Amino acid sequence: PYLSGSNITTLLTGKIARSPANCTGSACQWQELHQAGGALIEQHSNTAADPVETVGTWSVQTGGPGGNTITHTYNGGGGAYTYQVKNNGSTYSFCGSNGEFTFSVH
C-alpha cells in the first residue's frame, strides 16, 4: 500500500498534511504545507502572534534503492527524516525509522 514517488508528489504538492489524521485546529500536532518548489511551511494560526513559518524543505526520491520516499529536512539542525507514504484508505501514514505518523491531506 506504499505510494510511488510520483504519487507522493501528486498527493502533497501544494497541500497541507495534518497529523494526527483528520485533526483540526489545536488538536493537530503539526500542519505542514508542501509548497511546489520544495519549501516546507508550518501552518500555524496565521496571526501576527503566530504566523506561518518556513521550517525546512521537502523532496521526493523515485525509483531505485531508497526510492519512492519523501524526505523532510528541517532548518536549524532539526535533522532530515525519510519516509515511505502508506495509503490507509481515507488517510495516509509517513513510515520511517522514527515511527509511523498518520496524516490527512487538505
C-alpha atoms as a PDB file:
ATOM      1  CA  PRO A   1       0.000   0.000   0.000  1.00  0.00           C
ATOM      2  CA  TYR A   2       3.016   2.359  -0.277  1.00  0.00           C
ATOM      3  CA  LEU A   3       2.824   5.189  -2.808  1.00  0.00           C
ATOM      4  CA  SER A   4       5.247   5.620  -5.695  1.00  0.00           C
ATOM      5  CA  GLY A   5       7.406   8.732  -5.770  1.00  0.00           C
ATOM      6  CA  SER A   6       5.252  10.333  -8.448  1.00  0.00           C
ATOM      7  CA  ASN A   7       2.098   9.613  -6.422  1.00  0.00           C
ATOM      8  CA  ILE A   8       3.692  11.167  -3.309  1.00  0.00           C
ATOM      9  CA  THR A   9       4.455  14.302  -5.325  1.00  0.00           C
ATOM     10  CA  THR A  10       0.898  14.441  -6.681  1.00  0.00           C
ATOM     11  CA  LEU A  11      -0.602  13.857  -3.229  1.00  0.00           C
ATOM     12  CA  LEU A  12       1.368  16.533  -1.373  1.00  0.00           C
ATOM     13  CA  THR A  13       2.363  19.337  -3.759  1.00  0.00           C
ATOM     14  CA  GLY A  14       0.518  22.478  -2.715  1.00  0.00           C
ATOM     15  CA  LYS A  15      -1.299  20.626   0.077  1.00  0.00           C
ATOM     16  CA  ILE A  16      -1.239  20.669   3.870  1.00  0.00           C
ATOM     17  CA  ALA A  17      -0.526  17.428   5.729  1.00  0.00           C
ATOM     18  CA  ARG A  18      -2.144  17.435   9.195  1.00  0.00           C
ATOM     19  CA  SER A  19      -1.350  14.986  11.971  1.00  0.00           C
ATOM     20  CA  PRO A  20      -2.912  13.111  13.538  1.00  0.00           C
ATOM     21  CA  ALA A  21      -5.178  12.342  10.619  1.00  0.00           C
ATOM     22  CA  ASN A  22      -8.393  14.373  10.410  1.00  0.00           C
ATOM     23  CA  CYS A  23      -7.407  16.743  13.222  1.00  0.00           C
ATOM     24  CA  THR A  24      -8.469  20.386  13.276  1.00  0.00           C
ATOM     25  CA  GLY A  25      -7.089  23.473  14.999  1.00  0.00           C
ATOM     26  CA  SER A  26      -5.194  22.935  18.231  1.00  0.00           C
ATOM     27  CA  ALA A  27      -5.852  19.182  18.104  1.00  0.00           C
ATOM     28  CA  CYS A  28      -3.201  18.939  15.361  1.00  0.00           C
ATOM     29  CA  GLN A  29       0.349  18.110  16.415  1.00  0.00           C
ATOM     30  CA  TRP A  30       1.578  19.599  13.144  1.00  0.00           C
ATOM     31  CA  GLN A  31       0.273  21.094   9.919  1.00  0.00           C
ATOM     32  CA  GLU A  32       2.818  21.395   7.115  1.00  0.00           C
ATOM     33  CA  LEU A  33       2.251  22.906   3.678  1.00  0.00           C
ATOM     34  CA  HIS A  34       4.310  21.189   0.970  1.00  0.00           C
ATOM     35  CA  GLN A  35       4.871  24.062  -1.438  1.00  0.00           C
ATOM     36  CA  ALA A  36       5.731  23.444  -5.092  1.00  0.00           C
ATOM     37  CA  GLY A  37       9.475  24.031  -5.372  1.00  0.00           C
ATOM     38  CA  GLY A  38      10.272  22.281  -2.094  1.00  0.00           C
ATOM     39  CA  ALA A  39       9.586  24.712   0.766  1.00  0.00           C
ATOM     40  CA  LEU A  40       8.042  23.154   3.877  1.00  0.00           C
ATOM     41  CA  ILE A  41       5.803  25.662   5.672  1.00  0.00           C
ATOM     42  CA  GLU A  42       4.487  25.146   9.212  1.00  0.00           C
ATOM     43  CA  GLN A  43       0.861  26.269   9.208  1.00  0.00           C
ATOM     44  CA  HIS A  44       0.023  27.999  12.475  1.00  0.00           C
ATOM     45  CA  SER A  45      -2.993  30.197  13.095  1.00  0.00           C
ATOM     46  CA  ASN A  46      -1.509  32.745  10.628  1.00  0.00           C
ATOM     47  CA  THR A  47      -1.959  35.668  13.014  1.00  0.00           C
ATOM     48  CA  ALA A  48       0.625  38.312  13.943  1.00  0.00           C
ATOM     49  CA  ALA A  49       1.286  36.438  17.185  1.00  0.00           C
ATOM     50  CA  ASP A  50       1.507  33.040  15.465  1.00  0.00           C
ATOM     51  CA  PRO A  51       2.493  33.452  11.778  1.00  0.00           C
ATOM     52  CA  VAL A  52       3.234  30.808   9.176  1.00  0.00           C
ATOM     53  CA  GLU A  53       6.895  29.812   9.160  1.00  0.00           C
ATOM     54  CA  THR A  54       9.241  28.160   6.656  1.00  0.00           C
ATOM     55  CA  VAL A  55      10.634  25.251   8.678  1.00  0.00           C
ATOM     56  CA  GLY A  56      12.611  23.417   6.003  1.00  0.00           C
ATOM     57  CA  THR A  57      12.361  21.643   2.681  1.00  0.00           C
ATOM     58  CA  TRP A  58      10.806  18.517   1.249  1.00  0.00           C
ATOM     59  CA  SER A  59      11.875  16.334  -1.653  1.00  0.00           C
ATOM     60  CA  VAL A  60      10.698  13.093  -3.213  1.00  0.00           C
ATOM     61  CA  GLN A  61      13.019  10.305  -4.342  1.00  0.00           C
ATOM     62  CA  THR A  62      11.765   7.988  -7.075  1.00  0.00           C
ATOM     63  CA  GLY A  63      12.887   4.522  -8.154  1.00  0.00           C
ATOM     64  CA  GLY A  64      15.996   2.543  -7.196  1.00  0.00           C
ATOM     65  CA  PRO A  65      17.333   1.945  -3.691  1.00  0.00           C
ATOM     66  CA  GLY A  66      15.848   4.452  -1.280  1.00  0.00           C
ATOM     67  CA  GLY A  67      13.326   5.488  -3.921  1.00  0.00           C
ATOM     68  CA  ASN A  68       9.633   6.160  -3.589  1.00  0.00           C
ATOM     69  CA  THR A  69      10.243   8.109  -0.396  1.00  0.00           C
ATOM     70  CA  ILE A  70       9.862  11.664   0.855  1.00  0.00           C
ATOM     71  CA  THR A  71      12.497  13.476   2.896  1.00  0.00           C
ATOM     72  CA  HIS A  72      11.687  16.392   5.203  1.00  0.00           C
ATOM     73  CA  THR A  73      14.804  18.412   6.068  1.00  0.00           C
ATOM     74  CA  TYR A  74      14.303  20.874   8.911  1.00  0.00           C
ATOM     75  CA  ASN A  75      16.119  24.193   9.369  1.00  0.00           C
ATOM     76  CA  GLY A  76      18.404  24.957  12.289  1.00  0.00           C
ATOM     77  CA  GLY A  77      19.800  21.475  12.781  1.00  0.00           C
ATOM     78  CA  GLY A  78      16.362  19.918  13.042  1.00  0.00           C
ATOM     79  CA  GLY A  79      17.527  16.914  11.030  1.00  0.00           C
ATOM     80  CA  ALA A  80      16.316  15.086   7.963  1.00  0.00           C
ATOM     81  CA  TYR A  81      13.669  12.370   8.046  1.00  0.00           C
ATOM     82  CA  THR A  82      12.893   9.997   5.191  1.00  0.00           C
ATOM     83  CA  TYR A  83       9.563   8.206   4.934  1.00  0.00           C
ATOM     84  CA  GLN A  84       7.600   5.871   2.754  1.00  0.00           C
ATOM     85  CA  VAL A  85       3.996   7.047   2.406  1.00  0.00           C
ATOM     86  CA  LYS A  86       1.305   4.445   3.094  1.00  0.00           C
ATOM     87  CA  ASN A  87      -2.243   4.742   1.805  1.00  0.00           C
ATOM     88  CA  ASN A  88      -4.603   3.772   4.643  1.00  0.00           C
ATOM     89  CA  GLY A  89      -7.781   4.314   2.631  1.00  0.00           C
ATOM     90  CA  SER A  90      -9.090   7.729   3.670  1.00  0.00           C
ATOM     91  CA  THR A  91      -5.860   8.745   5.456  1.00  0.00           C
ATOM     92  CA  TYR A  92      -2.110   8.247   4.993  1.00  0.00           C
ATOM     93  CA  SER A  93       0.961   7.497   7.099  1.00  0.00           C
ATOM     94  CA  PHE A  94       4.560   8.656   6.977  1.00  0.00           C
ATOM     95  CA  CYS A  95       6.505   5.470   7.803  1.00  0.00           C
ATOM     96  CA  GLY A  96      10.182   5.729   8.720  1.00  0.00           C
ATOM     97  CA  SER A  97      12.854   4.735  11.186  1.00  0.00           C
ATOM     98  CA  ASN A  98      11.419   7.156  13.767  1.00  0.00           C
ATOM     99  CA  GLY A  99       7.910   5.719  13.637  1.00  0.00           C
ATOM    100  CA  GLU A 100       4.603   5.864  11.781  1.00  0.00           C
ATOM    101  CA  PHE A 101       2.636   9.121  11.729  1.00  0.00           C
ATOM    102  CA  THR A 102      -0.907   9.214  10.385  1.00  0.00           C
ATOM    103  CA  PHE A 103      -1.978  12.292   8.488  1.00  0.00           C
ATOM    104  CA  SER A 104      -4.718  13.666   6.286  1.00  0.00           C
ATOM    105  CA  VAL A 105      -4.294  15.963   3.298  1.00  0.00           C
ATOM    106  CA  HIS A 106      -6.088  19.293   2.922  1.00  0.00           C
END
